[in-house]
Amino acid sequence: MKFTVIYSKRRTLSLEITMSAEVLVRAPMKTSKKRIEEFVKSHEEWLISHLEKRKKINESHPEPTKEELDKLKAIAKEIIPRKVEKYSAVMGIIPEHVSINSAKTRFGSCSSANRLNFSCRLMEHDERAIDYVVVHELAHIVHHNHSKAFWALVESYMPDYMERKRLLKFTEE
């Protein structure tokens, strides 16, 4: 199996399957090539199944063109600020700023300065999932972590958040 090794000052070996369905092995600086190969071999079954899933997702949801991303951004700039305003009023939580980007690996984030960022790629999902991400990020203004208190806050405004969260996962269609 083909893989790329990234050495760093870490203590353990780890595996990652990238968005482009490549295998990365993260390894401590002095890890032997033999140890890395054994590690990959011992996880081969997991790697094969997850690589297959990633490839199916990539086929069913190809990367948007620049024009498609621009359209998604325009739609997001219309929809997301209104949703943030709506849920801010309901939750009594006000962000410092709301911005739209085209992040690939996360649908939303909340900075330590309470600035919310949302990926325009969120517009490819069900409206209920979009609402969930907005509530999730607003809750981070109160709890900058994923503690029990954070999830309790999310649940208090969105009792079906787990179902909505599942809508964000691409599945084989």
N, C-alpha and C. Protein backbone atom coordinates (compact mmCIF):
# COMPACT_ATOMS: atom_id res chain seq x y z
N MET A 1 0.84 -1.18 0.00
CA MET A 1 0.00 0.00 0.00
C MET A 1 0.89 1.25 0.00
N LYS A 2 0.53 2.20 -0.82
CA LYS A 2 1.31 3.42 -0.95
C LYS A 2 0.92 4.40 0.16
N PHE A 3 1.92 5.05 0.76
CA PHE A 3 1.66 6.03 1.82
C PHE A 3 2.81 7.03 1.89
N THR A 4 2.53 8.16 2.51
CA THR A 4 3.52 9.20 2.72
C THR A 4 3.76 9.33 4.21
N VAL A 5 5.02 9.44 4.61
CA VAL A 5 5.37 9.57 6.02
C VAL A 5 5.70 11.02 6.33
N ILE A 6 5.14 11.50 7.43
CA ILE A 6 5.45 12.85 7.92
C ILE A 6 6.04 12.68 9.33
N TYR A 7 7.30 13.01 9.45
CA TYR A 7 7.98 12.90 10.75
C TYR A 7 7.82 14.21 11.51
N SER A 8 7.63 14.09 12.83
CA SER A 8 7.52 15.28 13.67
C SER A 8 7.87 14.90 15.10
N LYS A 9 7.79 15.88 15.98
CA LYS A 9 8.13 15.66 17.40
C LYS A 9 6.94 15.08 18.16
N ARG A 10 6.31 14.10 17.59
CA ARG A 10 5.19 13.43 18.25
C ARG A 10 5.68 12.16 18.92
N ARG A 11 4.85 11.54 19.73
CA ARG A 11 5.25 10.33 20.45
C ARG A 11 4.67 9.05 19.86
N THR A 12 3.62 9.18 19.08
CA THR A 12 2.94 7.98 18.58
C THR A 12 2.80 8.01 17.06
N LEU A 13 2.53 6.85 16.51
CA LEU A 13 2.23 6.73 15.08
C LEU A 13 0.74 6.96 14.87
N SER A 14 0.38 7.58 13.76
CA SER A 14 -1.03 7.73 13.44
C SER A 14 -1.23 7.65 11.94
N LEU A 15 -2.46 7.35 11.55
CA LEU A 15 -2.83 7.26 10.14
C LEU A 15 -3.86 8.33 9.81
N GLU A 16 -3.78 8.81 8.59
CA GLU A 16 -4.76 9.79 8.12
C GLU A 16 -5.05 9.51 6.66
N ILE A 17 -6.32 9.57 6.32
CA ILE A 17 -6.71 9.49 4.91
C ILE A 17 -7.13 10.89 4.51
N THR A 18 -6.45 11.45 3.53
CA THR A 18 -6.71 12.82 3.12
C THR A 18 -7.98 12.91 2.29
N MET A 19 -8.42 14.13 2.05
CA MET A 19 -9.61 14.37 1.22
C MET A 19 -9.40 13.82 -0.19
N SER A 20 -8.16 13.78 -0.65
CA SER A 20 -7.87 13.27 -1.99
C SER A 20 -7.56 11.77 -1.96
N ALA A 21 -7.91 11.09 -0.87
CA ALA A 21 -7.77 9.64 -0.72
C ALA A 21 -6.32 9.16 -0.76
N GLU A 22 -5.47 9.91 -0.10
CA GLU A 22 -4.08 9.49 0.06
C GLU A 22 -3.87 9.12 1.53
N VAL A 23 -2.93 8.19 1.76
CA VAL A 23 -2.65 7.75 3.12
C VAL A 23 -1.43 8.49 3.65
N LEU A 24 -1.60 9.11 4.82
CA LEU A 24 -0.49 9.77 5.51
C LEU A 24 -0.21 9.01 6.79
N VAL A 25 1.07 8.80 7.06
CA VAL A 25 1.48 8.22 8.33
C VAL A 25 2.26 9.31 9.06
N ARG A 26 1.80 9.64 10.24
CA ARG A 26 2.52 10.61 11.07
C ARG A 26 3.33 9.81 12.08
N ALA A 27 4.63 10.13 12.15
CA ALA A 27 5.53 9.31 12.96
C ALA A 27 6.50 10.15 13.76
N PRO A 28 6.92 9.62 14.94
CA PRO A 28 7.99 10.28 15.70
C PRO A 28 9.27 10.31 14.86
N MET A 29 10.12 11.30 15.11
CA MET A 29 11.31 11.57 14.31
C MET A 29 12.18 10.35 13.98
N LYS A 30 12.47 9.50 14.94
CA LYS A 30 13.43 8.42 14.71
C LYS A 30 12.78 7.05 14.49
N THR A 31 11.52 7.04 14.08
CA THR A 31 10.84 5.77 13.84
C THR A 31 11.42 5.10 12.60
N SER A 32 11.71 3.81 12.73
CA SER A 32 12.31 3.08 11.60
C SER A 32 11.28 2.84 10.50
N LYS A 33 11.80 2.69 9.31
CA LYS A 33 10.95 2.41 8.15
C LYS A 33 10.21 1.09 8.38
N LYS A 34 10.91 0.10 8.96
CA LYS A 34 10.30 -1.20 9.24
C LYS A 34 9.12 -1.06 10.20
N ARG A 35 9.28 -0.28 11.27
CA ARG A 35 8.20 -0.08 12.25
C ARG A 35 7.00 0.58 11.58
N ILE A 36 7.24 1.54 10.72
CA ILE A 36 6.15 2.23 10.02
C ILE A 36 5.43 1.26 9.10
N GLU A 37 6.18 0.46 8.36
CA GLU A 37 5.56 -0.52 7.45
C GLU A 37 4.73 -1.53 8.21
N GLU A 38 5.22 -1.99 9.37
CA GLU A 38 4.46 -2.92 10.21
C GLU A 38 3.17 -2.27 10.71
N PHE A 39 3.27 -1.01 11.09
CA PHE A 39 2.11 -0.27 11.58
C PHE A 39 1.05 -0.17 10.48
N VAL A 40 1.46 0.21 9.28
CA VAL A 40 0.53 0.32 8.16
C VAL A 40 -0.10 -1.05 7.87
N LYS A 41 0.72 -2.08 7.83
CA LYS A 41 0.24 -3.44 7.55
C LYS A 41 -0.79 -3.87 8.60
N SER A 42 -0.56 -3.54 9.87
CA SER A 42 -1.48 -3.95 10.93
C SER A 42 -2.83 -3.22 10.85
N HIS A 43 -2.89 -2.14 10.11
CA HIS A 43 -4.12 -1.37 9.95
C HIS A 43 -4.66 -1.44 8.51
N GLU A 44 -4.16 -2.39 7.76
CA GLU A 44 -4.50 -2.48 6.34
C GLU A 44 -6.00 -2.63 6.09
N GLU A 45 -6.67 -3.45 6.87
CA GLU A 45 -8.11 -3.65 6.69
C GLU A 45 -8.87 -2.33 6.89
N TRP A 46 -8.53 -1.62 7.95
CA TRP A 46 -9.15 -0.32 8.23
C TRP A 46 -8.87 0.65 7.09
N LEU A 47 -7.62 0.69 6.65
CA LEU A 47 -7.24 1.61 5.57
C LEU A 47 -8.01 1.31 4.29
N ILE A 48 -8.10 0.06 3.92
CA ILE A 48 -8.79 -0.30 2.69
C ILE A 48 -10.25 0.12 2.75
N SER A 49 -10.93 -0.17 3.86
CA SER A 49 -12.36 0.19 3.94
C SER A 49 -12.56 1.70 3.94
N HIS A 50 -11.70 2.44 4.64
CA HIS A 50 -11.86 3.90 4.68
C HIS A 50 -11.42 4.57 3.39
N LEU A 51 -10.44 4.02 2.73
CA LEU A 51 -10.05 4.56 1.42
C LEU A 51 -11.19 4.38 0.42
N GLU A 52 -11.84 3.24 0.49
CA GLU A 52 -12.98 2.96 -0.39
C GLU A 52 -14.10 3.97 -0.14
N LYS A 53 -14.41 4.21 1.13
CA LYS A 53 -15.45 5.18 1.48
C LYS A 53 -15.09 6.57 0.97
N ARG A 54 -13.83 6.99 1.19
CA ARG A 54 -13.39 8.31 0.75
C ARG A 54 -13.51 8.44 -0.77
N LYS A 55 -13.13 7.41 -1.49
CA LYS A 55 -13.22 7.45 -2.96
C LYS A 55 -14.67 7.56 -3.43
N LYS A 56 -15.58 6.83 -2.76
CA LYS A 56 -17.00 6.90 -3.13
C LYS A 56 -17.55 8.30 -2.84
N ILE A 57 -17.16 8.86 -1.72
CA ILE A 57 -17.60 10.22 -1.39
C ILE A 57 -17.09 11.20 -2.44
N ASN A 58 -15.83 11.07 -2.81
CA ASN A 58 -15.24 11.97 -3.81
C ASN A 58 -15.94 11.84 -5.16
N GLU A 59 -16.34 10.62 -5.52
CA GLU A 59 -17.04 10.41 -6.79
C GLU A 59 -18.44 11.01 -6.75
N SER A 60 -19.15 10.81 -5.63
CA SER A 60 -20.53 11.29 -5.55
C SER A 60 -20.64 12.78 -5.23
N HIS A 61 -19.57 13.35 -4.67
CA HIS A 61 -19.56 14.78 -4.33
C HIS A 61 -18.23 15.40 -4.79
N PRO A 62 -18.11 15.59 -6.11
CA PRO A 62 -16.84 16.13 -6.62
C PRO A 62 -16.58 17.56 -6.13
N GLU A 63 -15.32 17.92 -6.14
CA GLU A 63 -14.91 19.27 -5.75
C GLU A 63 -15.59 20.29 -6.66
N PRO A 64 -16.25 21.30 -6.07
CA PRO A 64 -16.90 22.33 -6.90
C PRO A 64 -15.87 23.13 -7.70
N THR A 65 -16.30 23.59 -8.86
CA THR A 65 -15.47 24.47 -9.68
C THR A 65 -15.40 25.83 -8.99
N LYS A 66 -14.53 26.70 -9.47
CA LYS A 66 -14.44 28.06 -8.91
C LYS A 66 -15.78 28.78 -9.03
N GLU A 67 -16.44 28.62 -10.18
CA GLU A 67 -17.73 29.26 -10.40
C GLU A 67 -18.78 28.72 -9.42
N GLU A 68 -18.78 27.40 -9.21
CA GLU A 68 -19.72 26.81 -8.27
C GLU A 68 -19.45 27.28 -6.84
N LEU A 69 -18.16 27.38 -6.47
CA LEU A 69 -17.81 27.89 -5.14
C LEU A 69 -18.27 29.33 -4.97
N ASP A 70 -18.09 30.14 -6.02
CA ASP A 70 -18.54 31.54 -5.97
C ASP A 70 -20.04 31.63 -5.75
N LYS A 71 -20.80 30.74 -6.41
CA LYS A 71 -22.25 30.71 -6.24
C LYS A 71 -22.61 30.28 -4.81
N LEU A 72 -21.92 29.25 -4.32
CA LEU A 72 -22.17 28.79 -2.95
C LEU A 72 -21.88 29.91 -1.95
N LYS A 73 -20.79 30.65 -2.19
CA LYS A 73 -20.44 31.76 -1.30
C LYS A 73 -21.53 32.84 -1.31
N ALA A 74 -22.01 33.16 -2.49
CA ALA A 74 -23.06 34.19 -2.60
C ALA A 74 -24.32 33.74 -1.87
N ILE A 75 -24.69 32.48 -2.02
CA ILE A 75 -25.86 31.95 -1.32
C ILE A 75 -25.63 31.98 0.18
N ALA A 76 -24.45 31.54 0.61
CA ALA A 76 -24.12 31.50 2.04
C ALA A 76 -24.16 32.90 2.65
N LYS A 77 -23.68 33.90 1.92
CA LYS A 77 -23.68 35.28 2.43
C LYS A 77 -25.10 35.83 2.60
N GLU A 78 -26.03 35.26 1.86
CA GLU A 78 -27.44 35.63 2.01
C GLU A 78 -28.09 34.91 3.18
N ILE A 79 -27.82 33.61 3.28
CA ILE A 79 -28.55 32.75 4.22
C ILE A 79 -27.96 32.73 5.62
N ILE A 80 -26.66 32.52 5.74
CA ILE A 80 -26.06 32.29 7.05
C ILE A 80 -26.19 33.48 8.00
N PRO A 81 -25.89 34.71 7.58
CA PRO A 81 -26.06 35.83 8.53
C PRO A 81 -27.48 35.94 9.08
N ARG A 82 -28.48 35.63 8.24
CA ARG A 82 -29.86 35.67 8.72
C ARG A 82 -30.12 34.59 9.76
N LYS A 83 -29.56 33.42 9.52
CA LYS A 83 -29.72 32.32 10.48
C LYS A 83 -28.99 32.64 11.79
N VAL A 84 -27.80 33.22 11.68
CA VAL A 84 -27.07 33.60 12.89
C VAL A 84 -27.88 34.63 13.67
N GLU A 85 -28.44 35.59 12.98
CA GLU A 85 -29.25 36.62 13.63
C GLU A 85 -30.45 35.99 14.34
N LYS A 86 -31.13 35.07 13.66
CA LYS A 86 -32.30 34.39 14.23
C LYS A 86 -31.92 33.61 15.49
N TYR A 87 -30.91 32.77 15.40
CA TYR A 87 -30.54 31.95 16.56
C TYR A 87 -29.84 32.77 17.65
N SER A 88 -29.17 33.85 17.29
CA SER A 88 -28.58 34.74 18.29
C SER A 88 -29.67 35.31 19.18
N ALA A 89 -30.77 35.72 18.55
CA ALA A 89 -31.89 36.30 19.30
C ALA A 89 -32.51 35.25 20.21
N VAL A 90 -32.68 34.03 19.71
CA VAL A 90 -33.29 32.96 20.50
C VAL A 90 -32.39 32.55 21.66
N MET A 91 -31.08 32.45 21.41
CA MET A 91 -30.14 31.96 22.41
C MET A 91 -29.60 33.08 23.31
N GLY A 92 -29.76 34.33 22.90
CA GLY A 92 -29.21 35.45 23.66
C GLY A 92 -27.69 35.49 23.60
N ILE A 93 -27.14 35.05 22.48
CA ILE A 93 -25.68 34.99 22.28
C ILE A 93 -25.35 35.76 21.01
N ILE A 94 -24.46 36.75 21.13
CA ILE A 94 -24.15 37.59 19.97
C ILE A 94 -22.67 37.45 19.59
N PRO A 95 -22.41 37.05 18.34
CA PRO A 95 -21.01 36.95 17.90
C PRO A 95 -20.44 38.32 17.58
N GLU A 96 -19.12 38.42 17.63
CA GLU A 96 -18.44 39.67 17.29
C GLU A 96 -18.50 39.94 15.78
N HIS A 97 -18.46 38.86 15.00
CA HIS A 97 -18.42 39.00 13.54
C HIS A 97 -18.80 37.67 12.91
N VAL A 98 -19.37 37.71 11.73
CA VAL A 98 -19.70 36.49 10.98
C VAL A 98 -19.06 36.61 9.60
N SER A 99 -18.31 35.57 9.21
CA SER A 99 -17.72 35.59 7.87
C SER A 99 -17.93 34.24 7.18
N ILE A 100 -17.84 34.28 5.87
CA ILE A 100 -18.03 33.10 5.03
C ILE A 100 -16.71 32.82 4.32
N ASN A 101 -16.28 31.55 4.33
CA ASN A 101 -15.07 31.16 3.61
C ASN A 101 -15.37 29.91 2.80
N SER A 102 -14.37 29.27 2.27
CA SER A 102 -14.59 28.05 1.48
C SER A 102 -13.80 26.89 2.07
N ALA A 103 -13.70 26.84 3.39
CA ALA A 103 -12.97 25.78 4.07
C ALA A 103 -13.47 24.41 3.64
N LYS A 104 -12.54 23.48 3.51
CA LYS A 104 -12.88 22.13 3.07
C LYS A 104 -13.10 21.17 4.23
N THR A 105 -12.43 21.40 5.34
CA THR A 105 -12.43 20.39 6.40
C THR A 105 -13.34 20.71 7.58
N ARG A 106 -13.87 21.91 7.66
CA ARG A 106 -14.82 22.20 8.74
C ARG A 106 -15.89 23.15 8.22
N PHE A 107 -17.11 22.91 8.70
CA PHE A 107 -18.24 23.71 8.25
C PHE A 107 -18.35 25.03 8.99
N GLY A 108 -17.79 25.09 10.19
CA GLY A 108 -17.86 26.31 10.96
C GLY A 108 -16.78 26.33 12.02
N SER A 109 -16.49 27.52 12.52
CA SER A 109 -15.54 27.66 13.61
C SER A 109 -15.86 28.93 14.38
N CYS A 110 -15.37 28.95 15.62
CA CYS A 110 -15.56 30.11 16.49
C CYS A 110 -14.19 30.44 17.07
N SER A 111 -13.74 31.66 16.84
CA SER A 111 -12.43 32.07 17.36
C SER A 111 -12.53 32.43 18.84
N SER A 112 -11.38 32.58 19.47
CA SER A 112 -11.36 32.98 20.88
C SER A 112 -11.92 34.40 21.06
N ALA A 113 -11.97 35.16 19.97
CA ALA A 113 -12.55 36.51 20.01
C ALA A 113 -14.04 36.49 19.65
N ASN A 114 -14.63 35.29 19.64
CA ASN A 114 -16.06 35.11 19.36
C ASN A 114 -16.47 35.54 17.95
N ARG A 115 -15.56 35.34 17.02
CA ARG A 115 -15.84 35.58 15.60
C ARG A 115 -16.22 34.25 14.97
N LEU A 116 -17.36 34.20 14.29
CA LEU A 116 -17.82 32.96 13.68
C LEU A 116 -17.47 32.92 12.20
N ASN A 117 -16.99 31.77 11.77
CA ASN A 117 -16.66 31.53 10.36
C ASN A 117 -17.45 30.33 9.88
N PHE A 118 -18.00 30.42 8.69
CA PHE A 118 -18.77 29.32 8.11
C PHE A 118 -18.28 29.06 6.70
N SER A 119 -18.19 27.77 6.36
CA SER A 119 -17.80 27.40 5.01
C SER A 119 -19.01 27.47 4.08
N CYS A 120 -18.79 28.01 2.90
CA CYS A 120 -19.88 28.07 1.92
C CYS A 120 -20.30 26.67 1.49
N ARG A 121 -19.44 25.68 1.71
CA ARG A 121 -19.76 24.29 1.36
C ARG A 121 -20.93 23.75 2.18
N LEU A 122 -21.23 24.43 3.26
CA LEU A 122 -22.39 24.07 4.08
C LEU A 122 -23.68 24.18 3.27
N MET A 123 -23.67 25.02 2.24
CA MET A 123 -24.86 25.22 1.42
C MET A 123 -25.22 23.99 0.58
N GLU A 124 -24.31 23.02 0.54
CA GLU A 124 -24.58 21.76 -0.18
C GLU A 124 -25.39 20.79 0.68
N HIS A 125 -25.73 21.20 1.90
CA HIS A 125 -26.41 20.33 2.84
C HIS A 125 -27.82 20.80 3.15
N ASP A 126 -28.58 19.91 3.76
CA ASP A 126 -29.94 20.17 4.18
C ASP A 126 -30.00 21.39 5.10
N GLU A 127 -31.07 22.14 5.01
CA GLU A 127 -31.24 23.34 5.83
C GLU A 127 -31.19 23.04 7.32
N ARG A 128 -31.69 21.88 7.72
CA ARG A 128 -31.66 21.49 9.14
C ARG A 128 -30.22 21.32 9.62
N ALA A 129 -29.34 20.86 8.74
CA ALA A 129 -27.92 20.71 9.08
C ALA A 129 -27.27 22.09 9.21
N ILE A 130 -27.65 23.00 8.34
CA ILE A 130 -27.11 24.37 8.39
C ILE A 130 -27.49 25.01 9.72
N ASP A 131 -28.75 24.86 10.12
CA ASP A 131 -29.20 25.41 11.40
C ASP A 131 -28.39 24.81 12.55
N TYR A 132 -28.13 23.51 12.48
CA TYR A 132 -27.34 22.86 13.53
C TYR A 132 -25.96 23.50 13.64
N VAL A 133 -25.28 23.72 12.52
CA VAL A 133 -23.93 24.29 12.56
C VAL A 133 -23.98 25.70 13.15
N VAL A 134 -24.99 26.47 12.81
CA VAL A 134 -25.12 27.82 13.36
C VAL A 134 -25.28 27.76 14.89
N VAL A 135 -26.16 26.90 15.38
CA VAL A 135 -26.36 26.76 16.83
C VAL A 135 -25.07 26.25 17.49
N HIS A 136 -24.43 25.29 16.86
CA HIS A 136 -23.17 24.73 17.38
C HIS A 136 -22.12 25.83 17.57
N GLU A 137 -21.93 26.66 16.54
CA GLU A 137 -20.91 27.71 16.63
C GLU A 137 -21.31 28.80 17.61
N LEU A 138 -22.57 29.15 17.68
CA LEU A 138 -23.00 30.13 18.69
C LEU A 138 -22.76 29.59 20.10
N ALA A 139 -22.98 28.30 20.31
CA ALA A 139 -22.74 27.70 21.62
C ALA A 139 -21.27 27.78 22.01
N HIS A 140 -20.38 27.80 21.01
CA HIS A 140 -18.95 27.93 21.31
C HIS A 140 -18.60 29.30 21.89
N ILE A 141 -19.44 30.28 21.70
CA ILE A 141 -19.19 31.59 22.31
C ILE A 141 -19.28 31.48 23.83
N VAL A 142 -20.17 30.60 24.30
CA VAL A 142 -20.33 30.38 25.74
C VAL A 142 -19.32 29.36 26.24
N HIS A 143 -19.14 28.29 25.49
CA HIS A 143 -18.22 27.20 25.87
C HIS A 143 -17.25 26.96 24.72
N HIS A 144 -16.02 27.38 24.86
CA HIS A 144 -15.01 27.21 23.79
C HIS A 144 -14.41 25.80 23.84
N ASN A 145 -15.27 24.81 23.88
CA ASN A 145 -14.83 23.41 23.95
C ASN A 145 -16.03 22.53 23.59
N HIS A 146 -15.86 21.23 23.70
CA HIS A 146 -16.97 20.30 23.47
C HIS A 146 -17.29 19.55 24.77
N SER A 147 -17.40 20.29 25.85
CA SER A 147 -17.70 19.72 27.16
C SER A 147 -19.17 19.29 27.24
N LYS A 148 -19.51 18.63 28.34
CA LYS A 148 -20.91 18.24 28.56
C LYS A 148 -21.79 19.48 28.60
N ALA A 149 -21.28 20.56 29.19
CA ALA A 149 -22.05 21.80 29.28
C ALA A 149 -22.31 22.37 27.88
N PHE A 150 -21.31 22.27 27.01
CA PHE A 150 -21.48 22.74 25.62
C PHE A 150 -22.61 21.97 24.95
N TRP A 151 -22.54 20.63 25.01
CA TRP A 151 -23.55 19.81 24.33
C TRP A 151 -24.93 20.00 24.96
N ALA A 152 -24.97 20.23 26.26
CA ALA A 152 -26.26 20.50 26.92
C ALA A 152 -26.86 21.80 26.40
N LEU A 153 -26.01 22.80 26.18
CA LEU A 153 -26.49 24.07 25.63
C LEU A 153 -27.02 23.88 24.21
N VAL A 154 -26.28 23.17 23.38
CA VAL A 154 -26.74 22.90 22.01
C VAL A 154 -28.09 22.17 22.07
N GLU A 155 -28.16 21.14 22.89
CA GLU A 155 -29.38 20.33 22.99
C GLU A 155 -30.57 21.15 23.51
N SER A 156 -30.31 22.10 24.39
CA SER A 156 -31.41 22.89 24.93
C SER A 156 -32.10 23.74 23.86
N TYR A 157 -31.38 24.10 22.81
CA TYR A 157 -31.96 24.87 21.71
C TYR A 157 -32.28 24.00 20.50
N MET A 158 -31.71 22.80 20.46
CA MET A 158 -31.90 21.93 19.31
C MET A 158 -31.88 20.48 19.79
N PRO A 159 -33.00 20.02 20.36
CA PRO A 159 -33.05 18.67 20.93
C PRO A 159 -32.68 17.55 19.94
N ASP A 160 -32.90 17.77 18.67
CA ASP A 160 -32.58 16.75 17.65
C ASP A 160 -31.23 17.00 16.97
N TYR A 161 -30.31 17.64 17.69
CA TYR A 161 -29.03 18.01 17.08
C TYR A 161 -28.25 16.81 16.54
N MET A 162 -28.36 15.64 17.19
CA MET A 162 -27.61 14.47 16.72
C MET A 162 -28.08 14.05 15.33
N GLU A 163 -29.38 14.06 15.13
CA GLU A 163 -29.95 13.73 13.82
C GLU A 163 -29.48 14.74 12.77
N ARG A 164 -29.51 16.01 13.13
CA ARG A 164 -29.09 17.06 12.20
C ARG A 164 -27.59 16.95 11.89
N LYS A 165 -26.80 16.60 12.90
CA LYS A 165 -25.36 16.45 12.73
C LYS A 165 -25.06 15.34 11.71
N ARG A 166 -25.85 14.26 11.78
CA ARG A 166 -25.67 13.15 10.83
C ARG A 166 -25.92 13.58 9.39
N LEU A 167 -26.74 14.59 9.20
CA LEU A 167 -27.03 15.09 7.84
C LEU A 167 -25.79 15.68 7.17
N LEU A 168 -24.79 16.03 7.97
CA LEU A 168 -23.55 16.61 7.43
C LEU A 168 -22.62 15.56 6.85
N LYS A 169 -22.85 14.32 7.20
CA LYS A 169 -21.98 13.25 6.72
C LYS A 169 -22.39 12.85 5.31
N PHE A 170 -21.44 12.87 4.41
CA PHE A 170 -21.71 12.37 3.06
C PHE A 170 -21.76 10.85 3.13
N THR A 171 -22.74 10.27 2.52
CA THR A 171 -22.81 8.81 2.46
C THR A 171 -22.83 8.37 1.01
N GLU A 172 -22.57 7.09 0.80
CA GLU A 172 -22.64 6.59 -0.57
C GLU A 172 -24.08 6.65 -1.02
N GLU A 173 -24.28 7.21 -2.18
CA GLU A 173 -25.65 7.37 -2.67
C GLU A 173 -25.92 6.39 -3.80
